[in-house]
Amino acid sequence: MISSVLPTYSRAPMQFTKGEGAWLIEADGRRFLDMGAGIAVNVLGHANPVLVQALTQQAQNLWHVSNLYNITQQQALADKLVAATFADTVFFTNSGTESCELAVKMARKYWYEKGEKERVEIITFEGSFHGRSSAGIAAAGSEKMIKGFGPILPGFVHLAWNDHDALEAAISSKTAAILIEPVQGEGGIRPVPTQCLQGLRALCNKHGILLILDEVQCGVGRTGKLFAHEWAEITPDIMMVAKGIGGGFPLGAVLATENAASGMTAGTHGSTYGGNPLGCAVGCAVMDAVNTPEFLDNVIQKAAQLRQGIANLIYRHPDVFTGQRGLGLMIGIQCKVSNLEVVKAAYDACLLTVPAGDNVVRLLPPLNLTNDDIAHAVAKLDQAAATLK
């Protein structure tokens, strides 16, 4: 008999009832160090008092009115994002998947309004993940994502990772945009090298096409910059954001230049809940906390400390781990044994990690974790690895 919750997840046998900072408490009282942060969502940890206050205060006044009216909190968050980024305008969504849908529509509508209706193709890359919607799975194009869900939305050109010649050859009179994650998350924590991101921007400029960045997982301070593309000193035309921007409250956004968004006029897109007062009140509090030099510098320092601990683990357990990669507090540990075995062994040690493609274990902790949290995480990974020899 099917369960009352649709069984689309192979859920771990834990049920958490409370969260405190980087820690989760299981129903049986066990304390787990959360090095996954809800898959890069809880950037300020669990039950952060600043976010609790922002949510509670807003909840006492106004929850929802719909986008038929001006929303004070939405305007405030949009202003913060525009002031801090390349963007001229923002549309708020509830998730990264919804952000992908709008990014695709925006790019195609841009060219439609320019009279180039044939420019509908969006170039994407092997190992990518852009959500679970029809556009998202079509953009990723992997068999795992699309099998059984045909017919698949057309208009996506899939290229191998890091094949520069194929990328240049793929651009045609039908190309609307290039869509890429500055750091692949689900694909195994694969950062796009700085020179490649700069090359992508130059290529888009050369051909007059749009650059769409998916920073759903790598954005909002995760890499030590507010957004990961800042390391390469480039800007996109359109950017997808979610996860960390709400600190645990469902919230996403599409940021764009005035030029890229020029086709999106009244009636071309909408969202019942997107940008509601509750979500945007929390988003404002997240931005105020994360977007400071002190906070971002601390992310870089904590990342260096964690990476050093992982390097020692790799040295101690060469039969379990083979290397690490990533940027900031978005770290992938490459495994010699099955990454799922490592994740399970970590569960047994009361440590939460997240599997990814390419046999990688992801560490995506709260960005404000402590030095003690890092030492505990390394010790528990060491304990887990010792059981896999």
Protein backbone atom coordinates (compact mmCIF):
# COMPACT_ATOMS: atom_id res chain seq x y z
CA MET A 1 0.00 0.00 0.00
CA ILE A 2 1.33 3.42 -0.90
CA SER A 3 2.19 5.75 1.99
CA SER A 4 0.20 8.91 2.64
CA VAL A 5 3.36 10.86 1.72
CA LEU A 6 4.16 10.18 -1.94
CA PRO A 7 7.27 7.94 -1.81
CA THR A 8 9.53 9.90 -4.17
CA TYR A 9 12.34 10.09 -1.60
CA SER A 10 14.42 7.33 -0.03
CA ARG A 11 14.31 8.97 3.35
CA ALA A 12 16.88 8.31 6.08
CA PRO A 13 15.39 6.77 9.23
CA MET A 14 15.54 9.95 11.31
CA GLN A 15 12.85 12.37 12.39
CA PHE A 16 14.02 15.68 13.78
CA THR A 17 11.93 17.65 16.23
CA LYS A 18 14.11 20.65 17.07
CA GLY A 19 17.06 22.60 15.72
CA GLU A 20 19.66 24.75 17.45
CA GLY A 21 22.34 26.46 15.37
CA ALA A 22 24.18 23.80 13.41
CA TRP A 23 22.52 20.99 15.37
CA LEU A 24 19.35 18.94 14.94
CA ILE A 25 17.71 16.90 17.68
CA GLU A 26 16.10 13.58 16.79
CA ALA A 27 12.82 12.42 18.30
CA ASP A 28 14.77 9.93 20.44
CA GLY A 29 16.99 12.70 21.84
CA ARG A 30 20.14 12.13 19.75
CA ARG A 31 21.94 15.27 18.61
CA PHE A 32 23.13 15.41 14.98
CA LEU A 33 25.57 17.96 13.63
CA ASP A 34 23.98 19.21 10.43
CA MET A 35 26.62 19.63 7.73
CA GLY A 36 23.96 19.71 5.03
CA ALA A 37 21.85 22.64 6.29
CA GLY A 38 18.76 21.40 4.50
CA ILE A 39 20.82 21.20 1.27
CA ALA A 40 22.46 24.65 1.54
CA VAL A 41 19.31 26.33 2.85
CA ASN A 42 19.79 27.11 6.55
CA VAL A 43 22.62 29.59 6.04
CA LEU A 44 22.19 31.00 9.56
CA GLY A 45 21.51 27.65 11.20
CA HIS A 46 18.35 26.33 12.80
CA ALA A 47 15.99 28.50 14.85
CA ASN A 48 18.24 31.52 14.40
CA PRO A 49 16.86 34.14 16.81
CA VAL A 50 17.18 36.99 14.28
CA LEU A 51 15.13 35.07 11.72
CA VAL A 52 12.65 33.88 14.34
CA GLN A 53 12.09 37.48 15.38
CA ALA A 54 11.66 38.66 11.78
CA LEU A 55 9.15 35.90 11.03
CA THR A 56 7.23 36.27 14.29
CA GLN A 57 6.97 40.03 14.02
CA GLN A 58 5.70 39.83 10.45
CA ALA A 59 3.32 36.96 11.25
CA GLN A 60 1.62 39.14 13.84
CA ASN A 61 0.83 41.75 11.21
CA LEU A 62 0.35 40.34 7.71
CA TRP A 63 0.90 36.96 6.06
CA HIS A 64 -0.45 37.16 2.54
CA VAL A 65 -2.16 39.65 0.23
CA SER A 66 -1.10 38.41 -3.28
CA ASN A 67 0.79 40.30 -5.94
CA LEU A 68 -2.32 42.24 -6.93
CA TYR A 69 -1.02 44.86 -4.48
CA ASN A 70 2.26 46.46 -3.50
CA ILE A 71 4.05 44.55 -0.75
CA THR A 72 6.29 46.61 1.51
CA GLN A 73 8.58 43.74 2.50
CA GLN A 74 8.95 42.62 -1.11
CA GLN A 75 10.03 46.09 -2.19
CA ALA A 76 12.52 46.25 0.68
CA LEU A 77 14.13 42.93 -0.26
CA ALA A 78 14.21 43.80 -3.95
CA ASP A 79 15.95 47.07 -3.11
CA LYS A 80 18.55 45.24 -1.03
CA LEU A 81 19.27 42.76 -3.82
CA VAL A 82 19.48 45.42 -6.51
CA ALA A 83 21.82 47.52 -4.36
CA ALA A 84 24.09 44.54 -3.68
CA THR A 85 24.25 42.97 -7.16
CA PHE A 86 24.35 43.52 -10.93
CA ALA A 87 20.55 43.42 -11.10
CA ASP A 88 18.12 46.20 -11.93
CA THR A 89 14.99 44.23 -11.13
CA VAL A 90 13.84 41.17 -9.15
CA PHE A 91 10.92 38.76 -9.35
CA PHE A 92 10.26 36.64 -6.26
CA THR A 93 9.37 32.96 -6.37
CA ASN A 94 8.93 30.18 -3.82
CA SER A 95 11.77 27.91 -4.98
CA GLY A 96 14.72 27.41 -7.26
CA THR A 97 12.55 25.37 -9.62
CA GLU A 98 10.21 28.30 -10.09
CA SER A 99 13.19 30.58 -10.61
CA CYS A 100 14.36 28.30 -13.42
CA GLU A 101 10.97 28.47 -15.09
CA LEU A 102 11.03 32.26 -15.13
CA ALA A 103 14.67 32.48 -16.25
CA VAL A 104 13.87 30.32 -19.28
CA LYS A 105 10.74 32.33 -20.09
CA MET A 106 12.58 35.63 -19.66
CA ALA A 107 15.39 34.66 -22.03
CA ARG A 108 13.02 33.46 -24.74
CA LYS A 109 10.67 36.43 -24.37
CA TYR A 110 13.65 38.78 -24.70
CA TRP A 111 14.38 37.52 -28.19
CA TYR A 112 10.72 37.24 -29.16
CA GLU A 113 10.24 40.94 -28.46
CA LYS A 114 13.32 41.70 -30.55
CA GLY A 115 11.71 39.97 -33.52
CA GLU A 116 14.07 36.96 -33.44
CA LYS A 117 11.45 34.35 -32.64
CA GLU A 118 13.72 31.48 -33.66
CA ARG A 119 16.11 32.22 -30.77
CA VAL A 120 14.70 29.75 -28.27
CA GLU A 121 17.62 27.40 -27.60
CA ILE A 122 19.40 27.47 -24.25
CA ILE A 123 22.78 25.79 -23.90
CA THR A 124 23.30 23.75 -20.72
CA PHE A 125 25.92 21.33 -19.42
CA GLU A 126 26.35 17.72 -18.35
CA GLY A 127 26.02 17.24 -14.60
CA SER A 128 23.78 20.27 -14.16
CA PHE A 129 20.71 20.47 -11.97
CA HIS A 130 18.10 23.18 -12.41
CA GLY A 131 15.12 21.82 -10.50
CA ARG A 132 12.37 19.26 -11.07
CA SER A 133 9.93 21.15 -13.26
CA SER A 134 9.43 20.45 -16.95
CA ALA A 135 11.90 23.17 -17.89
CA GLY A 136 14.33 22.15 -15.13
CA ILE A 137 14.60 18.51 -16.11
CA ALA A 138 14.76 19.40 -19.80
CA ALA A 139 17.60 21.80 -19.05
CA ALA A 140 19.58 19.12 -17.19
CA GLY A 141 18.79 16.48 -19.79
CA SER A 142 20.18 13.50 -17.90
CA GLU A 143 18.42 10.15 -18.24
CA LYS A 144 17.89 10.03 -14.49
CA MET A 145 15.96 13.31 -14.62
CA ILE A 146 13.88 12.83 -17.79
CA LYS A 147 13.20 9.08 -18.04
CA GLY A 148 9.48 8.41 -18.06
CA PHE A 149 8.45 12.06 -18.20
CA GLY A 150 8.27 12.60 -21.95
CA PRO A 151 7.62 14.40 -24.14
CA ILE A 152 10.44 16.57 -22.86
CA LEU A 153 10.30 20.34 -23.34
CA PRO A 154 12.39 21.13 -26.42
CA GLY A 155 14.82 23.98 -26.89
CA PHE A 156 17.80 22.87 -24.79
CA VAL A 157 21.24 21.99 -26.15
CA HIS A 158 23.25 19.76 -23.80
CA LEU A 159 27.04 19.91 -23.87
CA ALA A 160 29.78 18.00 -22.10
CA TRP A 161 31.37 19.64 -19.08
CA ASN A 162 34.44 21.73 -19.91
CA ASP A 163 34.39 21.24 -23.71
CA HIS A 164 35.19 24.72 -24.96
CA ASP A 165 35.31 23.78 -28.64
CA ALA A 166 31.87 22.18 -28.48
CA LEU A 167 30.48 25.28 -26.78
CA GLU A 168 31.70 27.62 -29.49
CA ALA A 169 30.38 25.28 -32.18
CA ALA A 170 26.96 24.97 -30.52
CA ILE A 171 26.13 28.67 -30.72
CA SER A 172 23.85 29.39 -33.66
CA SER A 173 21.17 31.77 -34.86
CA LYS A 174 18.76 29.84 -32.62
CA THR A 175 20.75 30.38 -29.40
CA ALA A 176 19.02 32.55 -26.80
CA ALA A 177 21.24 31.99 -23.77
CA ILE A 178 23.81 29.91 -21.92
CA LEU A 179 22.68 28.52 -18.54
CA ILE A 180 25.25 27.32 -16.02
CA GLU A 181 25.87 26.88 -12.28
CA PRO A 182 29.10 28.66 -11.19
CA VAL A 183 29.54 25.67 -8.88
CA GLN A 184 27.63 22.51 -9.75
CA GLY A 185 25.90 21.19 -6.65
CA GLU A 186 24.05 17.98 -7.45
CA GLY A 187 26.67 17.26 -10.12
CA GLY A 188 29.36 16.79 -7.48
CA ILE A 189 30.58 20.23 -6.31
CA ARG A 190 32.35 21.15 -9.53
CA PRO A 191 33.37 24.83 -9.64
CA VAL A 192 33.62 26.49 -13.03
CA PRO A 193 37.19 27.87 -13.17
CA THR A 194 37.47 31.65 -13.07
CA GLN A 195 38.92 31.84 -16.56
CA CYS A 196 36.04 29.73 -17.91
CA LEU A 197 33.37 31.96 -16.36
CA GLN A 198 35.16 34.96 -17.79
CA GLY A 199 35.31 33.17 -21.13
CA LEU A 200 31.57 32.45 -21.00
CA ARG A 201 30.81 36.11 -20.37
CA ALA A 202 33.06 37.12 -23.25
CA LEU A 203 31.47 34.51 -25.52
CA CYS A 204 27.97 35.77 -24.72
CA ASN A 205 29.09 39.33 -25.38
CA LYS A 206 30.66 38.28 -28.69
CA HIS A 207 27.48 36.63 -29.94
CA GLY A 208 25.03 38.97 -28.23
CA ILE A 209 23.33 36.20 -26.24
CA LEU A 210 22.27 36.12 -22.60
CA LEU A 211 24.21 34.56 -19.74
CA ILE A 212 21.99 32.92 -17.11
CA LEU A 213 23.64 31.85 -13.85
CA ASP A 214 22.00 29.33 -11.53
CA GLU A 215 23.13 30.35 -8.04
CA VAL A 216 20.35 28.53 -6.23
CA GLN A 217 22.83 26.38 -4.29
CA CYS A 218 26.09 28.36 -4.49
CA GLY A 219 24.67 31.83 -3.78
CA VAL A 220 23.87 33.91 -0.68
CA GLY A 221 27.32 33.80 0.92
CA ARG A 222 27.94 30.08 0.41
CA THR A 223 31.31 30.59 -1.32
CA GLY A 224 32.53 33.57 0.70
CA LYS A 225 31.11 36.11 -1.72
CA LEU A 226 27.46 37.12 -1.72
CA PHE A 227 27.23 35.32 -5.08
CA ALA A 228 29.78 32.91 -6.51
CA HIS A 229 30.23 34.67 -9.86
CA GLU A 230 31.79 37.60 -8.02
CA TRP A 231 35.00 35.59 -7.64
CA ALA A 232 35.41 35.76 -11.44
CA GLU A 233 34.56 39.49 -11.50
CA ILE A 234 31.81 39.01 -14.06
CA THR A 235 28.07 39.65 -14.07
CA PRO A 236 25.25 37.63 -15.65
CA ASP A 237 22.20 38.97 -17.44
CA ILE A 238 19.81 36.76 -15.47
CA MET A 239 20.40 34.91 -12.20
CA MET A 240 18.38 32.28 -10.38
CA VAL A 241 18.41 32.41 -6.57
CA ALA A 242 16.67 30.39 -3.83
CA LYS A 243 17.68 28.12 -0.91
CA GLY A 244 19.82 30.37 1.30
CA ILE A 245 17.95 33.58 0.53
CA GLY A 246 15.12 32.50 2.83
CA GLY A 247 17.30 30.92 5.52
CA GLY A 248 14.81 28.03 5.73
CA PHE A 249 11.65 29.84 4.66
CA PRO A 250 10.56 28.91 1.10
CA LEU A 251 11.81 31.80 -1.01
CA GLY A 252 13.44 32.25 -4.38
CA ALA A 253 14.10 35.01 -6.87
CA VAL A 254 15.15 35.83 -10.40
CA LEU A 255 17.49 38.80 -10.68
CA ALA A 256 17.99 40.49 -14.04
CA THR A 257 19.30 43.52 -15.84
CA GLU A 258 16.77 45.94 -17.24
CA ASN A 259 17.76 44.85 -20.75
CA ALA A 260 17.31 41.11 -20.11
CA ALA A 261 13.96 41.67 -18.39
CA SER A 262 12.63 44.02 -21.05
CA GLY A 263 10.17 41.48 -22.46
CA MET A 264 8.52 40.75 -19.13
CA THR A 265 5.62 43.17 -18.99
CA ALA A 266 2.38 43.08 -17.01
CA GLY A 267 0.65 39.73 -17.41
CA THR A 268 3.64 37.78 -18.75
CA HIS A 269 4.38 36.01 -15.46
CA GLY A 270 2.96 35.65 -11.98
CA SER A 271 3.01 33.85 -8.65
CA THR A 272 0.34 33.59 -5.99
CA TYR A 273 2.73 33.24 -3.06
CA GLY A 274 5.97 34.57 -4.53
CA GLY A 275 7.31 37.55 -2.59
CA ASN A 276 4.73 37.31 0.18
CA PRO A 277 5.27 39.42 3.33
CA LEU A 278 6.40 36.48 5.49
CA GLY A 279 9.06 35.23 3.09
CA CYS A 280 10.41 38.66 2.23
CA ALA A 281 10.60 39.74 5.88
CA VAL A 282 12.83 36.73 6.54
CA GLY A 283 14.78 37.36 3.33
CA CYS A 284 15.53 40.92 4.43
CA ALA A 285 16.89 39.61 7.73
CA VAL A 286 19.05 37.05 5.89
CA MET A 287 20.49 39.72 3.60
CA ASP A 288 21.24 42.05 6.50
CA ALA A 289 23.12 39.25 8.28
CA VAL A 290 24.99 37.71 5.35
CA ASN A 291 25.85 40.69 3.18
CA THR A 292 28.58 42.21 5.33
CA PRO A 293 32.37 42.00 4.84
CA GLU A 294 32.78 40.54 8.32
CA PHE A 295 30.32 37.70 7.74
CA LEU A 296 31.69 36.80 4.31
CA ASP A 297 35.30 36.93 5.53
CA ASN A 298 34.32 34.57 8.33
CA VAL A 299 32.88 32.13 5.76
CA ILE A 300 36.26 32.10 4.00
CA GLN A 301 38.11 31.53 7.27
CA LYS A 302 35.80 28.73 8.36
CA ALA A 303 36.08 27.12 4.93
CA ALA A 304 39.88 27.10 5.14
CA GLN A 305 39.70 25.47 8.57
CA LEU A 306 37.26 22.82 7.38
CA ARG A 307 39.23 22.09 4.21
CA GLN A 308 42.39 21.57 6.26
CA GLY A 309 40.58 19.08 8.45
CA ILE A 310 39.30 17.25 5.38
CA ALA A 311 42.80 17.17 3.89
CA ASN A 312 43.97 15.38 7.02
CA LEU A 313 41.08 12.92 6.71
CA ILE A 314 42.01 12.15 3.12
CA TYR A 315 45.59 11.49 4.22
CA ARG A 316 44.42 9.25 7.06
CA HIS A 317 41.86 7.33 4.99
CA PRO A 318 43.16 6.97 1.42
CA ASP A 319 41.08 3.84 0.97
CA VAL A 320 37.88 5.85 1.65
CA PHE A 321 38.56 9.37 0.33
CA THR A 322 40.47 10.44 -2.77
CA GLY A 323 40.25 14.23 -2.75
CA GLN A 324 38.17 17.33 -2.20
CA ARG A 325 36.96 20.27 -4.24
CA GLY A 326 34.65 23.23 -3.96
CA LEU A 327 34.51 26.88 -3.04
CA GLY A 328 33.92 28.39 0.38
CA LEU A 329 31.57 26.31 2.52
CA MET A 330 30.42 24.33 -0.50
CA ILE A 331 32.75 21.36 -0.27
CA GLY A 332 32.71 18.02 -2.03
CA ILE A 333 34.69 15.05 -0.73
CA GLN A 334 35.50 12.60 -3.50
CA CYS A 335 35.13 9.01 -2.35
CA LYS A 336 36.82 5.74 -3.23
CA VAL A 337 34.07 3.71 -1.61
CA SER A 338 30.40 4.40 -2.35
CA ASN A 339 29.46 7.91 -1.27
CA LEU A 340 26.17 6.49 0.02
CA GLU A 341 28.15 4.23 2.36
CA VAL A 342 29.97 7.29 3.69
CA VAL A 343 26.72 9.17 4.20
CA LYS A 344 25.25 6.16 6.04
CA ALA A 345 28.34 5.74 8.24
CA ALA A 346 28.13 9.45 9.08
CA TYR A 347 24.48 9.00 10.07
CA ASP A 348 25.60 6.28 12.46
CA ALA A 349 28.06 8.80 13.93
CA CYS A 350 25.27 11.41 14.29
CA LEU A 351 26.56 13.58 11.46
CA LEU A 352 24.47 14.73 8.49
CA THR A 353 26.05 15.04 5.05
CA VAL A 354 24.55 15.04 1.55
CA PRO A 355 25.39 12.76 -1.39
CA ALA A 356 26.00 14.17 -4.86
CA GLY A 357 26.96 13.02 -8.34
CA ASP A 358 30.43 11.79 -9.30
CA ASN A 359 30.59 9.74 -6.05
CA VAL A 360 30.92 12.88 -3.93
CA VAL A 361 29.77 13.65 -0.39
CA ARG A 362 28.68 17.26 0.03
CA LEU A 363 29.33 19.45 3.05
CA LEU A 364 27.00 22.47 2.99
CA PRO A 365 26.90 23.58 6.63
CA PRO A 366 25.33 26.69 8.12
CA LEU A 367 27.59 29.59 7.24
CA ASN A 368 27.86 30.66 10.87
CA LEU A 369 29.02 27.31 12.26
CA THR A 370 31.61 27.51 15.03
CA ASN A 371 35.19 26.29 15.28
CA ASP A 372 33.96 23.59 17.67
CA ASP A 373 31.36 22.52 15.10
CA ILE A 374 34.11 22.13 12.49
CA ALA A 375 36.32 20.10 14.81
CA HIS A 376 33.34 17.88 15.70
CA ALA A 377 32.44 17.36 12.04
CA VAL A 378 36.00 16.30 11.17
CA ALA A 379 36.12 13.95 14.17
CA LYS A 380 32.82 12.34 13.20
CA LEU A 381 33.90 11.93 9.56
CA ASP A 382 37.06 10.30 10.85
CA GLN A 383 34.94 7.96 12.98
CA ALA A 384 32.69 7.15 10.01
CA ALA A 385 35.62 6.48 7.67
CA ALA A 386 37.21 4.13 10.20
CA THR A 387 34.17 1.85 9.94
CA LEU A 388 34.51 1.56 6.16
CA LYS A 389 38.00 0.08 5.95
